[in-house]
Amino acid sequence: MANGGKRVAFFDVDNTIIRGSTIFFLGRGMYQRGFFSKRDISAFVLANLRYRLTGTEKPEEIAKFQNAATDFIGGHNVKEIEAIGSEIYDEFVSPSLWQGTIDIANEHLKNGVEVWLVTAAPQDMAVLIANRLGFTGALGTKAEIKDGIYTGKMNGLLLHGNQKAVAVKELANNQGIDLKNSFAYSDSHNDFPLLTAVGNPAAINPDTLLQIRAIRENWPIHDFRRGRALKAAFGPLLARFAALLTYLSPRRLRSK
């Protein structure tokens, strides 16, 4: 995309915009409303936790999470889920927002920069969150719909890892976005493709690998987590040390 297009700030959602998992909140709210059994929710939570904890790119693990991401809404009316999604936003999502991240997003809006969410969560829930926050739009995993009913299958791929970058570049081509002058924010090293797709990447509440790379490449780092005194004191030092080690080749170390 050539320079001169509009600028956008892209935000990951889970642990970047909110504390926790959007899909988990949705599943929890639906369980409390009697949409499925404890066995159903247990299988869903297990797939979600395995995906989140491993941070894996293994096809079999991603496939398990892909199924969990849309299967639990299968057979339900779209409008019904939309109404429940709004209730779940008020009950779980709104109290879990990182206000510091919201402030960054709102500052972008004040400066004429569009704000888009980019998440593996279902597209409908991502759009609802963006609308409630007054953001421009959202990209999420698309659930297949037939005759106003969710089939439980995905329409396309899970919006994870490299797929986020693919979606952002497609949006840029369609809407005249200047990616070199745009921004991206995430908490996870899994979003390296998204972060490097723009000219201004930044880390929010970063995991260790993302913090290391952010320090090494001088990306801005924002950490809004509570109870992080030790991390604040020692985290940057350890991350800089790790970044130095990744910079120095074995040959250069031997030459010292």
C-alpha atoms as a PDB file:
ATOM      1  CA  MET A   1       0.000   0.000   0.000  1.00  0.00           C
ATOM      2  CA  ALA A   2       1.485   3.336  -1.018  1.00  0.00           C
ATOM      3  CA  ASN A   3       1.873   6.182   1.439  1.00  0.00           C
ATOM      4  CA  GLY A   4      -0.924   8.740   1.557  1.00  0.00           C
ATOM      5  CA  GLY A   5      -3.744   6.410   2.615  1.00  0.00           C
ATOM      6  CA  LYS A   6      -5.615   6.603   5.880  1.00  0.00           C
ATOM      7  CA  ARG A   7      -4.026   5.442   9.122  1.00  0.00           C
ATOM      8  CA  VAL A   8      -5.393   2.719  11.373  1.00  0.00           C
ATOM      9  CA  ALA A   9      -4.531   1.450  14.848  1.00  0.00           C
ATOM     10  CA  PHE A  10      -5.092  -2.315  15.082  1.00  0.00           C
ATOM     11  CA  PHE A  11      -5.650  -3.830  18.517  1.00  0.00           C
ATOM     12  CA  ASP A  12      -5.618  -7.446  19.585  1.00  0.00           C
ATOM     13  CA  VAL A  13      -8.390  -8.061  22.153  1.00  0.00           C
ATOM     14  CA  ASP A  14      -7.640 -10.803  24.691  1.00  0.00           C
ATOM     15  CA  ASN A  15      -5.241  -9.500  27.370  1.00  0.00           C
ATOM     16  CA  THR A  16      -4.709  -6.368  25.277  1.00  0.00           C
ATOM     17  CA  ILE A  17      -8.113  -4.682  25.383  1.00  0.00           C
ATOM     18  CA  ILE A  18      -9.560  -6.906  28.121  1.00  0.00           C
ATOM     19  CA  ARG A  19      -8.266  -9.018  30.987  1.00  0.00           C
ATOM     20  CA  GLY A  20      -8.999 -12.569  29.890  1.00  0.00           C
ATOM     21  CA  SER A  21     -10.550 -14.334  26.909  1.00  0.00           C
ATOM     22  CA  THR A  22     -13.504 -13.053  24.899  1.00  0.00           C
ATOM     23  CA  ILE A  23     -14.511 -16.561  23.886  1.00  0.00           C
ATOM     24  CA  PHE A  24     -14.326 -17.738  27.491  1.00  0.00           C
ATOM     25  CA  PHE A  25     -16.613 -14.895  28.587  1.00  0.00           C
ATOM     26  CA  LEU A  26     -19.075 -15.767  25.826  1.00  0.00           C
ATOM     27  CA  GLY A  27     -19.002 -19.463  26.718  1.00  0.00           C
ATOM     28  CA  ARG A  28     -19.417 -18.700  30.423  1.00  0.00           C
ATOM     29  CA  GLY A  29     -22.392 -16.446  29.804  1.00  0.00           C
ATOM     30  CA  MET A  30     -24.079 -19.004  27.570  1.00  0.00           C
ATOM     31  CA  TYR A  31     -23.505 -21.767  30.122  1.00  0.00           C
ATOM     32  CA  GLN A  32     -25.074 -19.653  32.863  1.00  0.00           C
ATOM     33  CA  ARG A  33     -28.108 -19.198  30.626  1.00  0.00           C
ATOM     34  CA  GLY A  34     -28.512 -22.937  30.175  1.00  0.00           C
ATOM     35  CA  PHE A  35     -27.359 -23.209  26.585  1.00  0.00           C
ATOM     36  CA  PHE A  36     -25.247 -26.295  27.236  1.00  0.00           C
ATOM     37  CA  SER A  37     -24.112 -28.776  29.883  1.00  0.00           C
ATOM     38  CA  LYS A  38     -21.119 -28.834  32.214  1.00  0.00           C
ATOM     39  CA  ARG A  39     -19.568 -31.436  29.926  1.00  0.00           C
ATOM     40  CA  ASP A  40     -19.914 -29.087  26.951  1.00  0.00           C
ATOM     41  CA  ILE A  41     -18.398 -26.129  28.795  1.00  0.00           C
ATOM     42  CA  SER A  42     -15.585 -28.307  30.173  1.00  0.00           C
ATOM     43  CA  ALA A  43     -14.570 -29.407  26.663  1.00  0.00           C
ATOM     44  CA  PHE A  44     -14.725 -25.819  25.457  1.00  0.00           C
ATOM     45  CA  VAL A  45     -12.689 -24.449  28.382  1.00  0.00           C
ATOM     46  CA  LEU A  46     -10.083 -27.208  28.021  1.00  0.00           C
ATOM     47  CA  ALA A  47      -9.559 -26.425  24.330  1.00  0.00           C
ATOM     48  CA  ASN A  48      -9.347 -22.715  25.114  1.00  0.00           C
ATOM     49  CA  LEU A  49      -6.857 -23.178  27.950  1.00  0.00           C
ATOM     50  CA  ARG A  50      -4.636 -25.531  25.959  1.00  0.00           C
ATOM     51  CA  TYR A  51      -4.523 -23.032  23.145  1.00  0.00           C
ATOM     52  CA  ARG A  52      -3.803 -20.070  25.402  1.00  0.00           C
ATOM     53  CA  LEU A  53      -1.225 -21.810  27.601  1.00  0.00           C
ATOM     54  CA  THR A  54       0.771 -23.499  24.855  1.00  0.00           C
ATOM     55  CA  GLY A  55       0.801 -20.527  22.500  1.00  0.00           C
ATOM     56  CA  THR A  56       1.318 -23.196  19.902  1.00  0.00           C
ATOM     57  CA  GLU A  57       1.376 -23.050  16.148  1.00  0.00           C
ATOM     58  CA  LYS A  58       0.833 -26.816  15.889  1.00  0.00           C
ATOM     59  CA  PRO A  59      -1.934 -27.513  13.351  1.00  0.00           C
ATOM     60  CA  GLU A  60      -3.628 -30.099  15.572  1.00  0.00           C
ATOM     61  CA  GLU A  61      -3.887 -27.717  18.537  1.00  0.00           C
ATOM     62  CA  ILE A  62      -5.127 -24.859  16.373  1.00  0.00           C
ATOM     63  CA  ALA A  63      -7.698 -27.220  14.836  1.00  0.00           C
ATOM     64  CA  LYS A  64      -9.016 -28.116  18.307  1.00  0.00           C
ATOM     65  CA  PHE A  65      -9.394 -24.457  19.176  1.00  0.00           C
ATOM     66  CA  GLN A  66     -10.939 -23.686  15.788  1.00  0.00           C
ATOM     67  CA  ASN A  67     -13.659 -26.196  16.509  1.00  0.00           C
ATOM     68  CA  ALA A  68     -14.188 -24.890  20.037  1.00  0.00           C
ATOM     69  CA  ALA A  69     -14.313 -21.289  18.812  1.00  0.00           C
ATOM     70  CA  THR A  70     -17.513 -21.796  16.821  1.00  0.00           C
ATOM     71  CA  ASP A  71     -18.942 -25.197  17.748  1.00  0.00           C
ATOM     72  CA  PHE A  72     -20.447 -23.998  21.020  1.00  0.00           C
ATOM     73  CA  ILE A  73     -22.777 -21.545  19.223  1.00  0.00           C
ATOM     74  CA  GLY A  74     -23.805 -24.129  16.625  1.00  0.00           C
ATOM     75  CA  GLY A  75     -27.573 -24.605  16.288  1.00  0.00           C
ATOM     76  CA  HIS A  76     -28.425 -21.274  17.899  1.00  0.00           C
ATOM     77  CA  ASN A  77     -30.246 -18.350  16.314  1.00  0.00           C
ATOM     78  CA  VAL A  78     -27.979 -15.471  15.283  1.00  0.00           C
ATOM     79  CA  LYS A  79     -30.211 -12.740  16.717  1.00  0.00           C
ATOM     80  CA  GLU A  80     -30.555 -14.656  19.975  1.00  0.00           C
ATOM     81  CA  ILE A  81     -26.781 -14.909  20.343  1.00  0.00           C
ATOM     82  CA  GLU A  82     -26.387 -11.239  19.466  1.00  0.00           C
ATOM     83  CA  ALA A  83     -28.758 -10.275  22.289  1.00  0.00           C
ATOM     84  CA  ILE A  84     -26.925 -12.533  24.732  1.00  0.00           C
ATOM     85  CA  GLY A  85     -23.599 -11.137  23.524  1.00  0.00           C
ATOM     86  CA  SER A  86     -24.727  -7.646  24.520  1.00  0.00           C
ATOM     87  CA  GLU A  87     -25.642  -8.900  28.004  1.00  0.00           C
ATOM     88  CA  ILE A  88     -22.297 -10.693  28.290  1.00  0.00           C
ATOM     89  CA  TYR A  89     -20.470  -7.519  27.296  1.00  0.00           C
ATOM     90  CA  ASP A  90     -22.119  -5.654  30.189  1.00  0.00           C
ATOM     91  CA  GLU A  91     -21.616  -8.517  32.633  1.00  0.00           C
ATOM     92  CA  PHE A  92     -18.078  -9.707  31.852  1.00  0.00           C
ATOM     93  CA  VAL A  93     -16.303  -7.683  29.159  1.00  0.00           C
ATOM     94  CA  SER A  94     -16.938  -4.121  30.329  1.00  0.00           C
ATOM     95  CA  PRO A  95     -15.630  -4.724  33.890  1.00  0.00           C
ATOM     96  CA  SER A  96     -12.518  -6.393  32.423  1.00  0.00           C
ATOM     97  CA  LEU A  97     -11.388  -3.588  30.122  1.00  0.00           C
ATOM     98  CA  TRP A  98      -7.834  -2.307  30.414  1.00  0.00           C
ATOM     99  CA  GLN A  99      -8.513   1.411  30.775  1.00  0.00           C
ATOM    100  CA  GLY A 100      -4.956   2.252  29.750  1.00  0.00           C
ATOM    101  CA  THR A 101      -5.474   0.507  26.420  1.00  0.00           C
ATOM    102  CA  ILE A 102      -8.826   2.212  25.907  1.00  0.00           C
ATOM    103  CA  ASP A 103      -7.126   5.560  26.506  1.00  0.00           C
ATOM    104  CA  ILE A 104      -4.523   4.777  23.823  1.00  0.00           C
ATOM    105  CA  ALA A 105      -7.248   3.811  21.367  1.00  0.00           C
ATOM    106  CA  ASN A 106      -9.280   6.935  22.099  1.00  0.00           C
ATOM    107  CA  GLU A 107      -6.200   9.102  21.610  1.00  0.00           C
ATOM    108  CA  HIS A 108      -5.791   7.591  18.164  1.00  0.00           C
ATOM    109  CA  LEU A 109      -9.419   8.392  17.360  1.00  0.00           C
ATOM    110  CA  LYS A 110      -8.909  12.003  18.473  1.00  0.00           C
ATOM    111  CA  ASN A 111      -5.975  12.232  16.065  1.00  0.00           C
ATOM    112  CA  GLY A 112      -8.035  11.012  13.130  1.00  0.00           C
ATOM    113  CA  VAL A 113      -6.697   7.448  13.210  1.00  0.00           C
ATOM    114  CA  GLU A 114      -9.245   4.656  12.795  1.00  0.00           C
ATOM    115  CA  VAL A 115      -9.298   1.923  15.467  1.00  0.00           C
ATOM    116  CA  TRP A 116      -9.932  -1.700  14.476  1.00  0.00           C
ATOM    117  CA  LEU A 117      -9.985  -4.794  16.667  1.00  0.00           C
ATOM    118  CA  VAL A 118      -8.291  -7.937  15.309  1.00  0.00           C
ATOM    119  CA  THR A 119      -9.090 -11.123  17.208  1.00  0.00           C
ATOM    120  CA  ALA A 120      -9.575 -14.880  17.032  1.00  0.00           C
ATOM    121  CA  ALA A 121     -12.920 -14.400  18.791  1.00  0.00           C
ATOM    122  CA  PRO A 122     -16.126 -14.684  16.719  1.00  0.00           C
ATOM    123  CA  GLN A 123     -16.592 -11.775  14.322  1.00  0.00           C
ATOM    124  CA  ASP A 124     -20.027 -10.882  15.695  1.00  0.00           C
ATOM    125  CA  MET A 125     -18.685 -10.539  19.241  1.00  0.00           C
ATOM    126  CA  ALA A 126     -15.682  -8.546  18.014  1.00  0.00           C
ATOM    127  CA  VAL A 127     -17.969  -6.115  16.157  1.00  0.00           C
ATOM    128  CA  LEU A 128     -20.192  -5.776  19.228  1.00  0.00           C
ATOM    129  CA  ILE A 129     -17.172  -4.876  21.397  1.00  0.00           C
ATOM    130  CA  ALA A 130     -15.930  -2.363  18.821  1.00  0.00           C
ATOM    131  CA  ASN A 131     -19.362  -0.744  18.580  1.00  0.00           C
ATOM    132  CA  ARG A 132     -19.786  -0.495  22.331  1.00  0.00           C
ATOM    133  CA  LEU A 133     -16.365   1.143  22.656  1.00  0.00           C
ATOM    134  CA  GLY A 134     -16.977   3.563  19.792  1.00  0.00           C
ATOM    135  CA  PHE A 135     -14.236   2.090  17.615  1.00  0.00           C
ATOM    136  CA  THR A 136     -14.246   1.983  13.828  1.00  0.00           C
ATOM    137  CA  GLY A 137     -14.607  -1.752  13.195  1.00  0.00           C
ATOM    138  CA  ALA A 138     -13.431  -5.275  13.944  1.00  0.00           C
ATOM    139  CA  LEU A 139     -11.984  -8.342  12.269  1.00  0.00           C
ATOM    140  CA  GLY A 140     -12.690 -11.720  13.844  1.00  0.00           C
ATOM    141  CA  THR A 141     -13.182 -15.400  13.138  1.00  0.00           C
ATOM    142  CA  LYS A 142     -16.260 -15.797  10.967  1.00  0.00           C
ATOM    143  CA  ALA A 143     -18.863 -18.358  11.982  1.00  0.00           C
ATOM    144  CA  GLU A 144     -20.888 -20.023   9.231  1.00  0.00           C
ATOM    145  CA  ILE A 145     -24.583 -19.093   9.149  1.00  0.00           C
ATOM    146  CA  LYS A 146     -27.430 -20.821   7.315  1.00  0.00           C
ATOM    147  CA  ASP A 147     -31.013 -19.560   7.456  1.00  0.00           C
ATOM    148  CA  GLY A 148     -30.213 -17.336  10.440  1.00  0.00           C
ATOM    149  CA  ILE A 149     -28.720 -20.209  12.444  1.00  0.00           C
ATOM    150  CA  TYR A 150     -25.074 -20.793  13.349  1.00  0.00           C
ATOM    151  CA  THR A 151     -23.941 -24.132  11.913  1.00  0.00           C
ATOM    152  CA  GLY A 152     -21.075 -24.572  14.384  1.00  0.00           C
ATOM    153  CA  LYS A 153     -18.520 -24.408  11.577  1.00  0.00           C
ATOM    154  CA  MET A 154     -16.167 -21.620  10.584  1.00  0.00           C
ATOM    155  CA  ASN A 155     -16.402 -19.581   7.411  1.00  0.00           C
ATOM    156  CA  GLY A 156     -12.707 -19.432   6.560  1.00  0.00           C
ATOM    157  CA  LEU A 157      -9.760 -19.807   8.923  1.00  0.00           C
ATOM    158  CA  LEU A 158      -9.272 -18.950  12.578  1.00  0.00           C
ATOM    159  CA  LEU A 159      -7.999 -15.367  12.794  1.00  0.00           C
ATOM    160  CA  HIS A 160      -4.788 -16.296  14.582  1.00  0.00           C
ATOM    161  CA  GLY A 161      -1.085 -15.666  14.003  1.00  0.00           C
ATOM    162  CA  ASN A 162      -0.316 -15.029  10.367  1.00  0.00           C
ATOM    163  CA  GLN A 163      -4.017 -14.948   9.474  1.00  0.00           C
ATOM    164  CA  LYS A 164      -4.327 -11.647  11.338  1.00  0.00           C
ATOM    165  CA  ALA A 165      -1.684 -10.120   9.089  1.00  0.00           C
ATOM    166  CA  VAL A 166      -3.432 -11.542   6.021  1.00  0.00           C
ATOM    167  CA  ALA A 167      -6.749 -10.006   7.112  1.00  0.00           C
ATOM    168  CA  VAL A 168      -5.180  -6.630   7.890  1.00  0.00           C
ATOM    169  CA  LYS A 169      -3.409  -6.472   4.517  1.00  0.00           C
ATOM    170  CA  GLU A 170      -6.638  -7.374   2.730  1.00  0.00           C
ATOM    171  CA  LEU A 171      -8.466  -4.626   4.621  1.00  0.00           C
ATOM    172  CA  ALA A 172      -5.697  -2.192   3.696  1.00  0.00           C
ATOM    173  CA  ASN A 173      -6.027  -3.016   0.005  1.00  0.00           C
ATOM    174  CA  ASN A 174      -9.805  -2.665   0.108  1.00  0.00           C
ATOM    175  CA  GLN A 175      -9.982   0.543   2.138  1.00  0.00           C
ATOM    176  CA  GLY A 176      -6.856   2.448   1.158  1.00  0.00           C
ATOM    177  CA  ILE A 177      -4.986   2.068   4.427  1.00  0.00           C
ATOM    178  CA  ASP A 178      -1.348   3.122   4.672  1.00  0.00           C
ATOM    179  CA  LEU A 179       0.118   0.283   6.744  1.00  0.00           C
ATOM    180  CA  LYS A 180       3.551   1.906   6.965  1.00  0.00           C
ATOM    181  CA  ASN A 181       2.016   4.783   8.896  1.00  0.00           C
ATOM    182  CA  SER A 182      -0.416   2.632  10.880  1.00  0.00           C
ATOM    183  CA  PHE A 183      -0.177   1.077  14.351  1.00  0.00           C
ATOM    184  CA  ALA A 184      -0.638  -2.339  15.955  1.00  0.00           C
ATOM    185  CA  TYR A 185      -0.879  -3.438  19.584  1.00  0.00           C
ATOM    186  CA  SER A 186      -0.777  -6.895  21.145  1.00  0.00           C
ATOM    187  CA  ASP A 187       0.179  -8.810  24.287  1.00  0.00           C
ATOM    188  CA  SER A 188       1.404 -11.965  22.541  1.00  0.00           C
ATOM    189  CA  HIS A 189       4.389 -13.087  20.497  1.00  0.00           C
ATOM    190  CA  ASN A 190       1.879 -15.040  18.386  1.00  0.00           C
ATOM    191  CA  ASP A 191       0.962 -11.668  16.892  1.00  0.00           C
ATOM    192  CA  PHE A 192       4.415 -10.915  15.465  1.00  0.00           C
ATOM    193  CA  PRO A 193       2.929 -11.118  11.930  1.00  0.00           C
ATOM    194  CA  LEU A 194       0.313  -8.492  12.822  1.00  0.00           C
ATOM    195  CA  LEU A 195       2.813  -6.236  14.571  1.00  0.00           C
ATOM    196  CA  THR A 196       5.340  -6.349  11.747  1.00  0.00           C
ATOM    197  CA  ALA A 197       2.651  -5.688   9.129  1.00  0.00           C
ATOM    198  CA  VAL A 198       2.564  -2.029  10.209  1.00  0.00           C
ATOM    199  CA  GLY A 199       5.161   0.665  10.625  1.00  0.00           C
ATOM    200  CA  ASN A 200       4.410   1.365  14.281  1.00  0.00           C
ATOM    201  CA  PRO A 201       4.110  -1.815  16.393  1.00  0.00           C
ATOM    202  CA  ALA A 202       3.756  -1.711  20.181  1.00  0.00           C
ATOM    203  CA  ALA A 203       3.392  -4.175  23.055  1.00  0.00           C
ATOM    204  CA  ILE A 204       0.684  -4.071  25.695  1.00  0.00           C
ATOM    205  CA  ASN A 205       0.964  -6.342  28.760  1.00  0.00           C
ATOM    206  CA  PRO A 206       3.549  -8.359  26.808  1.00  0.00           C
ATOM    207  CA  ASP A 207       4.483 -11.978  27.311  1.00  0.00           C
ATOM    208  CA  THR A 208       8.205 -12.651  27.706  1.00  0.00           C
ATOM    209  CA  LEU A 209       8.996 -13.284  24.043  1.00  0.00           C
ATOM    210  CA  LEU A 210       7.145 -10.176  22.926  1.00  0.00           C
ATOM    211  CA  GLN A 211       8.847  -8.084  25.586  1.00  0.00           C
ATOM    212  CA  ILE A 212      12.256  -9.301  24.460  1.00  0.00           C
ATOM    213  CA  ARG A 213      11.590  -8.401  20.852  1.00  0.00           C
ATOM    214  CA  ALA A 214       9.969  -5.070  21.734  1.00  0.00           C
ATOM    215  CA  ILE A 215      13.040  -4.047  23.724  1.00  0.00           C
ATOM    216  CA  ARG A 216      15.416  -5.279  21.029  1.00  0.00           C
ATOM    217  CA  GLU A 217      13.594  -3.341  18.300  1.00  0.00           C
ATOM    218  CA  ASN A 218      12.678  -0.307  20.427  1.00  0.00           C
ATOM    219  CA  TRP A 219       8.923  -0.847  20.199  1.00  0.00           C
ATOM    220  CA  PRO A 220       6.853   1.039  22.806  1.00  0.00           C
ATOM    221  CA  ILE A 221       5.826  -1.140  25.767  1.00  0.00           C
ATOM    222  CA  HIS A 222       2.741  -0.480  27.894  1.00  0.00           C
ATOM    223  CA  ASP A 223       2.052  -2.631  30.958  1.00  0.00           C
ATOM    224  CA  PHE A 224      -1.224  -2.037  32.786  1.00  0.00           C
ATOM    225  CA  ARG A 225      -1.190  -5.185  34.919  1.00  0.00           C
ATOM    226  CA  ARG A 226      -1.480  -4.919  38.685  1.00  0.00           C
ATOM    227  CA  GLY A 227       0.866  -6.568  41.167  1.00  0.00           C
ATOM    228  CA  ARG A 228       3.805  -6.271  38.830  1.00  0.00           C
ATOM    229  CA  ALA A 229       6.338  -4.594  41.166  1.00  0.00           C
ATOM    230  CA  LEU A 230       8.943  -7.314  40.733  1.00  0.00           C
ATOM    231  CA  LYS A 231       8.276  -7.506  37.016  1.00  0.00           C
ATOM    232  CA  ALA A 232       8.668  -3.753  36.736  1.00  0.00           C
ATOM    233  CA  ALA A 233      11.924  -3.864  38.648  1.00  0.00           C
ATOM    234  CA  PHE A 234      13.559  -6.918  37.111  1.00  0.00           C
ATOM    235  CA  GLY A 235      11.558  -7.704  33.971  1.00  0.00           C
ATOM    236  CA  PRO A 236      13.130  -5.053  31.712  1.00  0.00           C
ATOM    237  CA  LEU A 237      16.624  -5.991  32.919  1.00  0.00           C
ATOM    238  CA  LEU A 238      16.078  -9.690  32.233  1.00  0.00           C
ATOM    239  CA  ALA A 239      14.433  -8.965  28.898  1.00  0.00           C
ATOM    240  CA  ARG A 240      17.313  -6.736  27.821  1.00  0.00           C
ATOM    241  CA  PHE A 241      19.761  -9.438  28.822  1.00  0.00           C
ATOM    242  CA  ALA A 242      17.810 -12.023  26.808  1.00  0.00           C
ATOM    243  CA  ALA A 243      17.611  -9.641  23.857  1.00  0.00           C
ATOM    244  CA  LEU A 244      21.374  -9.171  24.031  1.00  0.00           C
ATOM    245  CA  LEU A 245      21.895 -12.932  23.974  1.00  0.00           C
ATOM    246  CA  THR A 246      19.693 -13.295  20.898  1.00  0.00           C
ATOM    247  CA  TYR A 247      21.643 -10.504  19.215  1.00  0.00           C
ATOM    248  CA  LEU A 248      25.076 -11.984  19.916  1.00  0.00           C
ATOM    249  CA  SER A 249      25.894 -14.984  17.753  1.00  0.00           C
ATOM    250  CA  PRO A 250      27.696 -18.021  19.252  1.00  0.00           C
ATOM    251  CA  ARG A 251      30.755 -17.086  17.210  1.00  0.00           C
ATOM    252  CA  ARG A 252      30.857 -13.595  18.641  1.00  0.00           C
ATOM    253  CA  LEU A 253      30.436 -14.957  22.149  1.00  0.00           C
ATOM    254  CA  ARG A 254      33.372 -17.317  21.634  1.00  0.00           C
ATOM    255  CA  SER A 255      35.534 -14.463  20.402  1.00  0.00           C
ATOM    256  CA  LYS A 256      35.141 -12.549  23.654  1.00  0.00           C
END
